[in-house]
Amino acid sequence: MHLKSCALIATALLLSIPAAAQTPAPATKPKSTATTTAKPPAAKPAAAATYDHALLKPALLKDKAPDTYQVNFDTTRGQFTITVTRAWAPLGADRFYNLVKHHYFDNARFFRVLPNFVVQFGLHANPAVTAAWEKATIKDDPRNQSNKPGTLVFATAGPNTRTTQLFINLKDNGPGLDSQGFTPFGQVDGAGMKVVEMLYDQYGENAGMDQENITKGGEKYLATHWPKLDTIKSATLVGAAATTPTK
């Protein structure tokens, strides 16, 4: 599975791991400790014992997404909803729709949380599922939205390499990321960003740079080495958007 990687692109430093996808990185390397107010440790959730075995066959998960749809994230910090607008990035919206429909994100961790930058997720709790999606890339969508606060974006490893890893922008990252092919296709609704901003961030970049081991070890490895990372208890489709987000 594409681990989100690192390489020096423009002024952004990206963590590079063999056979990995790139993740955006801040212009300057973040400190290993959080810059936000300390938060109490989240309760450690139990890893899922089972998963939808359709996830082992990515080539069969090709449903077209609705023009707009919403996904509710129930996490160890609370709930938030993301509205997806397919016209913003059709291929990305379709991939996300199929992943959510088959509960790919259930029990996955937010493994890279950098204050005032991004929250990243998309490595499955079961390494076998993550591995099944490693080469299930989709082509790039032309970018017509900026990487503004609250937007949902696929991480990449260069052109046409999107798989399952995503990030939510915590600030206006347009100046640094818009020119690098990072294409928003959804937006966290309303007060939901308050939950996103509470996700455990005190590992700094250390957990994010450990993606190779996280990918190979899944939830078992995370629970041992990065136990305070918050978890997506479930990510489910909840219906059409009440309003369509604007540019």
Protein backbone atom coordinates (compact mmCIF):
# COMPACT_ATOMS: atom_id res chain seq x y z
CA MET A 1 0.00 0.00 0.00
CA HIS A 2 1.28 3.44 -0.66
CA LEU A 3 2.69 4.63 2.64
CA LYS A 4 2.67 8.36 2.30
CA SER A 5 6.24 9.28 1.59
CA CYS A 6 8.83 11.97 1.59
CA ALA A 7 10.90 13.83 -0.95
CA LEU A 8 11.93 17.42 -1.49
CA ILE A 9 9.27 18.98 -3.74
CA ALA A 10 9.49 22.71 -4.29
CA THR A 11 9.81 24.14 -0.78
CA ALA A 12 7.88 21.31 0.91
CA LEU A 13 9.80 18.48 2.57
CA LEU A 14 8.08 15.13 1.98
CA LEU A 15 8.97 11.91 3.77
CA SER A 16 10.18 9.33 1.24
CA ILE A 17 9.77 5.58 1.76
CA PRO A 18 10.26 2.94 -0.94
CA ALA A 19 7.03 2.01 -2.73
CA ALA A 20 5.25 4.74 -0.80
CA ALA A 21 2.92 7.54 -1.67
CA GLN A 22 3.79 11.09 -0.83
CA THR A 23 2.22 13.11 1.87
CA PRO A 24 2.31 16.87 1.96
CA ALA A 25 4.72 18.40 4.43
CA PRO A 26 5.07 21.81 5.97
CA ALA A 27 7.61 24.26 4.64
CA THR A 28 9.62 23.79 7.83
CA LYS A 29 10.06 20.56 9.74
CA PRO A 30 7.65 20.45 12.71
CA LYS A 31 8.84 19.81 16.22
CA SER A 32 8.20 16.36 17.66
CA THR A 33 5.95 17.83 20.33
CA ALA A 34 2.64 19.55 19.70
CA THR A 35 2.28 23.30 19.58
CA THR A 36 -1.31 23.05 20.70
CA THR A 37 -2.65 22.70 24.20
CA ALA A 38 -2.13 19.24 25.64
CA LYS A 39 -5.13 16.98 25.42
CA PRO A 40 -6.03 13.98 27.59
CA PRO A 41 -5.17 10.59 26.07
CA ALA A 42 -7.98 9.02 24.10
CA ALA A 43 -9.24 5.62 25.15
CA LYS A 44 -7.65 2.88 23.08
CA PRO A 45 -10.29 1.24 20.86
CA ALA A 46 -10.25 -2.44 20.07
CA ALA A 47 -9.13 -3.38 16.59
CA ALA A 48 -11.78 -4.82 14.33
CA ALA A 49 -11.82 -8.61 14.29
CA THR A 50 -13.41 -8.71 10.85
CA TYR A 51 -13.59 -6.58 7.72
CA ASP A 52 -15.43 -6.55 4.42
CA HIS A 53 -13.52 -9.05 2.28
CA ALA A 54 -14.53 -7.16 -0.83
CA LEU A 55 -11.74 -4.79 0.18
CA LEU A 56 -9.23 -7.42 -0.89
CA LYS A 57 -10.32 -6.93 -4.52
CA PRO A 58 -9.98 -3.21 -5.29
CA ALA A 59 -10.51 -3.71 -9.01
CA LEU A 60 -14.14 -4.69 -8.35
CA LEU A 61 -15.01 -1.61 -6.30
CA LYS A 62 -15.88 0.82 -9.09
CA ASP A 63 -19.26 2.33 -8.20
CA LYS A 64 -19.90 5.86 -9.37
CA ALA A 65 -20.53 8.27 -6.50
CA PRO A 66 -23.56 10.58 -6.30
CA ASP A 67 -23.07 14.19 -7.36
CA THR A 68 -22.86 15.06 -3.67
CA TYR A 69 -22.77 12.81 -0.65
CA GLN A 70 -21.92 12.99 3.03
CA VAL A 71 -19.76 10.78 5.21
CA ASN A 72 -20.06 10.75 8.99
CA PHE A 73 -16.87 10.05 10.91
CA ASP A 74 -17.39 8.71 14.43
CA THR A 75 -14.02 9.01 16.17
CA THR A 76 -12.50 8.70 19.61
CA ARG A 77 -12.72 12.52 19.82
CA GLY A 78 -16.30 12.86 18.61
CA GLN A 79 -18.14 13.05 15.30
CA PHE A 80 -17.76 15.17 12.20
CA THR A 81 -19.25 15.05 8.71
CA ILE A 82 -17.59 15.60 5.34
CA THR A 83 -19.56 16.69 2.29
CA VAL A 84 -18.11 15.47 -1.01
CA THR A 85 -18.82 17.28 -4.27
CA ARG A 86 -18.06 14.95 -7.17
CA ALA A 87 -17.60 17.77 -9.69
CA TRP A 88 -14.56 18.96 -7.75
CA ALA A 89 -12.62 15.75 -8.48
CA PRO A 90 -14.74 12.89 -9.92
CA LEU A 91 -12.17 10.10 -9.71
CA GLY A 92 -11.19 10.98 -6.16
CA ALA A 93 -14.84 11.26 -5.09
CA ASP A 94 -15.60 7.84 -6.60
CA ARG A 95 -12.63 6.18 -4.89
CA PHE A 96 -13.54 7.66 -1.50
CA TYR A 97 -17.18 6.62 -1.98
CA ASN A 98 -16.22 2.99 -2.59
CA LEU A 99 -13.81 2.91 0.34
CA VAL A 100 -16.43 4.29 2.72
CA LYS A 101 -19.18 2.05 1.32
CA HIS A 102 -17.09 -1.00 2.22
CA HIS A 103 -15.97 0.40 5.61
CA TYR A 104 -12.30 0.69 4.72
CA PHE A 105 -11.69 3.41 7.30
CA ASP A 106 -13.38 1.72 10.25
CA ASN A 107 -10.88 1.24 13.11
CA ALA A 108 -8.12 3.08 11.24
CA ARG A 109 -5.99 5.65 13.05
CA PHE A 110 -5.24 9.28 12.31
CA PHE A 111 -1.53 8.48 12.14
CA ARG A 112 -0.12 11.87 11.14
CA VAL A 113 -1.47 14.93 12.95
CA LEU A 114 0.53 18.13 12.54
CA PRO A 115 -0.94 21.23 14.20
CA ASN A 116 -1.63 24.10 11.82
CA PHE A 117 -0.97 21.85 8.83
CA VAL A 118 -2.75 18.53 8.16
CA VAL A 119 -4.45 15.47 9.66
CA GLN A 120 -3.69 12.30 7.70
CA PHE A 121 -5.28 8.83 7.63
CA GLY A 122 -5.99 5.94 5.27
CA LEU A 123 -3.88 2.97 6.37
CA HIS A 124 -6.20 0.07 7.22
CA ALA A 125 -6.13 -1.58 10.63
CA ASN A 126 -5.41 -4.92 8.89
CA PRO A 127 -2.10 -5.02 6.94
CA ALA A 128 -3.56 -7.45 4.37
CA VAL A 129 -6.17 -4.90 3.33
CA THR A 130 -3.62 -2.10 3.13
CA ALA A 131 -1.41 -4.30 0.96
CA ALA A 132 -4.28 -5.09 -1.41
CA TRP A 133 -4.60 -1.40 -2.28
CA GLU A 134 -0.90 -0.66 -2.70
CA LYS A 135 -1.03 -0.67 -6.49
CA ALA A 136 -4.71 0.27 -6.92
CA THR A 137 -3.89 3.75 -8.14
CA ILE A 138 -6.27 6.21 -9.78
CA LYS A 139 -5.42 8.95 -12.25
CA ASP A 140 -5.23 12.55 -11.19
CA ASP A 141 -8.20 14.88 -11.37
CA PRO A 142 -7.64 18.43 -12.59
CA ARG A 143 -7.58 20.67 -9.54
CA ASN A 144 -10.36 23.25 -9.40
CA GLN A 145 -10.44 23.83 -5.63
CA SER A 146 -7.77 25.24 -3.37
CA ASN A 147 -6.35 23.44 -0.31
CA LYS A 148 -8.28 25.60 2.13
CA PRO A 149 -9.00 24.78 5.79
CA GLY A 150 -11.22 21.73 6.21
CA THR A 151 -10.81 20.38 2.68
CA LEU A 152 -10.33 16.63 2.16
CA VAL A 153 -7.55 15.59 -0.23
CA PHE A 154 -5.84 12.41 -1.41
CA ALA A 155 -2.12 12.14 -0.75
CA THR A 156 0.02 11.25 -3.76
CA ALA A 157 3.42 9.87 -4.71
CA GLY A 158 3.66 11.94 -7.85
CA PRO A 159 1.37 11.95 -10.90
CA ASN A 160 -1.48 9.41 -11.00
CA THR A 161 -0.62 7.61 -7.75
CA ARG A 162 -3.61 8.18 -5.46
CA THR A 163 -4.73 5.09 -3.52
CA THR A 164 -6.30 5.28 -0.02
CA GLN A 165 -4.42 7.83 2.04
CA LEU A 166 -6.04 11.21 2.63
CA PHE A 167 -5.52 14.34 4.63
CA ILE A 168 -7.64 17.18 5.97
CA ASN A 169 -6.13 20.65 5.72
CA LEU A 170 -5.99 22.40 9.10
CA LYS A 171 -5.13 25.78 7.60
CA ASP A 172 -5.02 27.45 4.19
CA ASN A 173 -2.35 25.27 2.54
CA GLY A 174 -3.19 26.52 -0.95
CA PRO A 175 0.02 28.52 -1.42
CA GLY A 176 2.17 25.46 -0.75
CA LEU A 177 0.07 22.54 -2.02
CA ASP A 178 -2.08 23.75 -4.92
CA SER A 179 0.84 23.63 -7.35
CA GLN A 180 1.85 20.10 -6.30
CA GLY A 181 -1.21 18.22 -7.56
CA PHE A 182 -3.09 17.88 -4.28
CA THR A 183 -6.76 18.01 -5.34
CA PRO A 184 -9.53 18.69 -2.79
CA PHE A 185 -12.85 16.90 -3.32
CA GLY A 186 -14.65 17.35 0.00
CA GLN A 187 -15.10 19.70 2.93
CA VAL A 188 -15.58 19.15 6.66
CA ASP A 189 -18.98 20.57 7.57
CA GLY A 190 -19.49 23.43 10.00
CA ALA A 191 -18.38 22.82 13.56
CA GLY A 192 -16.83 19.48 12.63
CA MET A 193 -13.41 21.07 12.44
CA LYS A 194 -13.50 21.50 16.21
CA VAL A 195 -13.36 17.70 16.46
CA VAL A 196 -10.65 17.40 13.81
CA GLU A 197 -8.52 19.97 15.62
CA MET A 198 -8.76 17.94 18.86
CA LEU A 199 -7.18 14.80 17.37
CA TYR A 200 -4.10 13.68 19.27
CA ASP A 201 -1.11 15.54 17.88
CA GLN A 202 1.67 15.24 20.44
CA TYR A 203 3.68 12.65 18.53
CA GLY A 204 4.43 15.38 16.03
CA GLU A 205 5.91 14.03 12.79
CA ASN A 206 7.39 10.98 14.53
CA ALA A 207 4.39 8.70 13.99
CA GLY A 208 3.89 9.99 10.45
CA MET A 209 7.46 9.07 9.56
CA ASP A 210 6.87 5.50 10.78
CA GLN A 211 4.47 4.62 7.95
CA GLU A 212 6.42 1.63 6.68
CA ASN A 213 6.08 -0.15 10.03
CA ILE A 214 2.48 1.00 10.45
CA THR A 215 1.62 -0.41 7.04
CA LYS A 216 3.23 -3.75 7.80
CA GLY A 217 1.97 -4.06 11.36
CA GLY A 218 -1.44 -2.39 11.25
CA GLU A 219 -3.40 -1.81 14.45
CA LYS A 220 -1.30 -4.26 16.46
CA TYR A 221 1.82 -2.21 15.77
CA LEU A 222 0.05 1.10 16.38
CA ALA A 223 -1.40 -0.01 19.70
CA THR A 224 2.11 -0.88 20.89
CA HIS A 225 4.14 2.01 19.50
CA TRP A 226 1.72 4.91 19.01
CA PRO A 227 -1.16 4.05 21.36
CA LYS A 228 -2.51 7.57 21.87
CA LEU A 229 -3.34 8.21 18.22
CA ASP A 230 -7.07 8.71 17.77
CA THR A 231 -9.17 6.22 15.84
CA ILE A 232 -11.99 6.32 13.31
CA LYS A 233 -14.55 4.07 14.98
CA SER A 234 -16.64 4.17 11.80
CA ALA A 235 -16.97 6.19 8.59
CA THR A 236 -20.39 5.79 6.99
CA LEU A 237 -22.46 7.27 4.18
CA VAL A 238 -25.30 9.34 5.61
CA GLY A 239 -27.09 10.87 2.60
CA ALA A 240 -27.04 13.80 0.25
CA ALA A 241 -25.59 17.13 1.29
CA ALA A 242 -28.03 19.71 2.56
CA THR A 243 -26.16 22.41 0.66
CA THR A 244 -23.48 22.28 -2.00
CA PRO A 245 -20.16 23.78 -0.89
CA THR A 246 -18.90 26.72 -2.92
CA LYS A 247 -15.43 27.40 -4.21
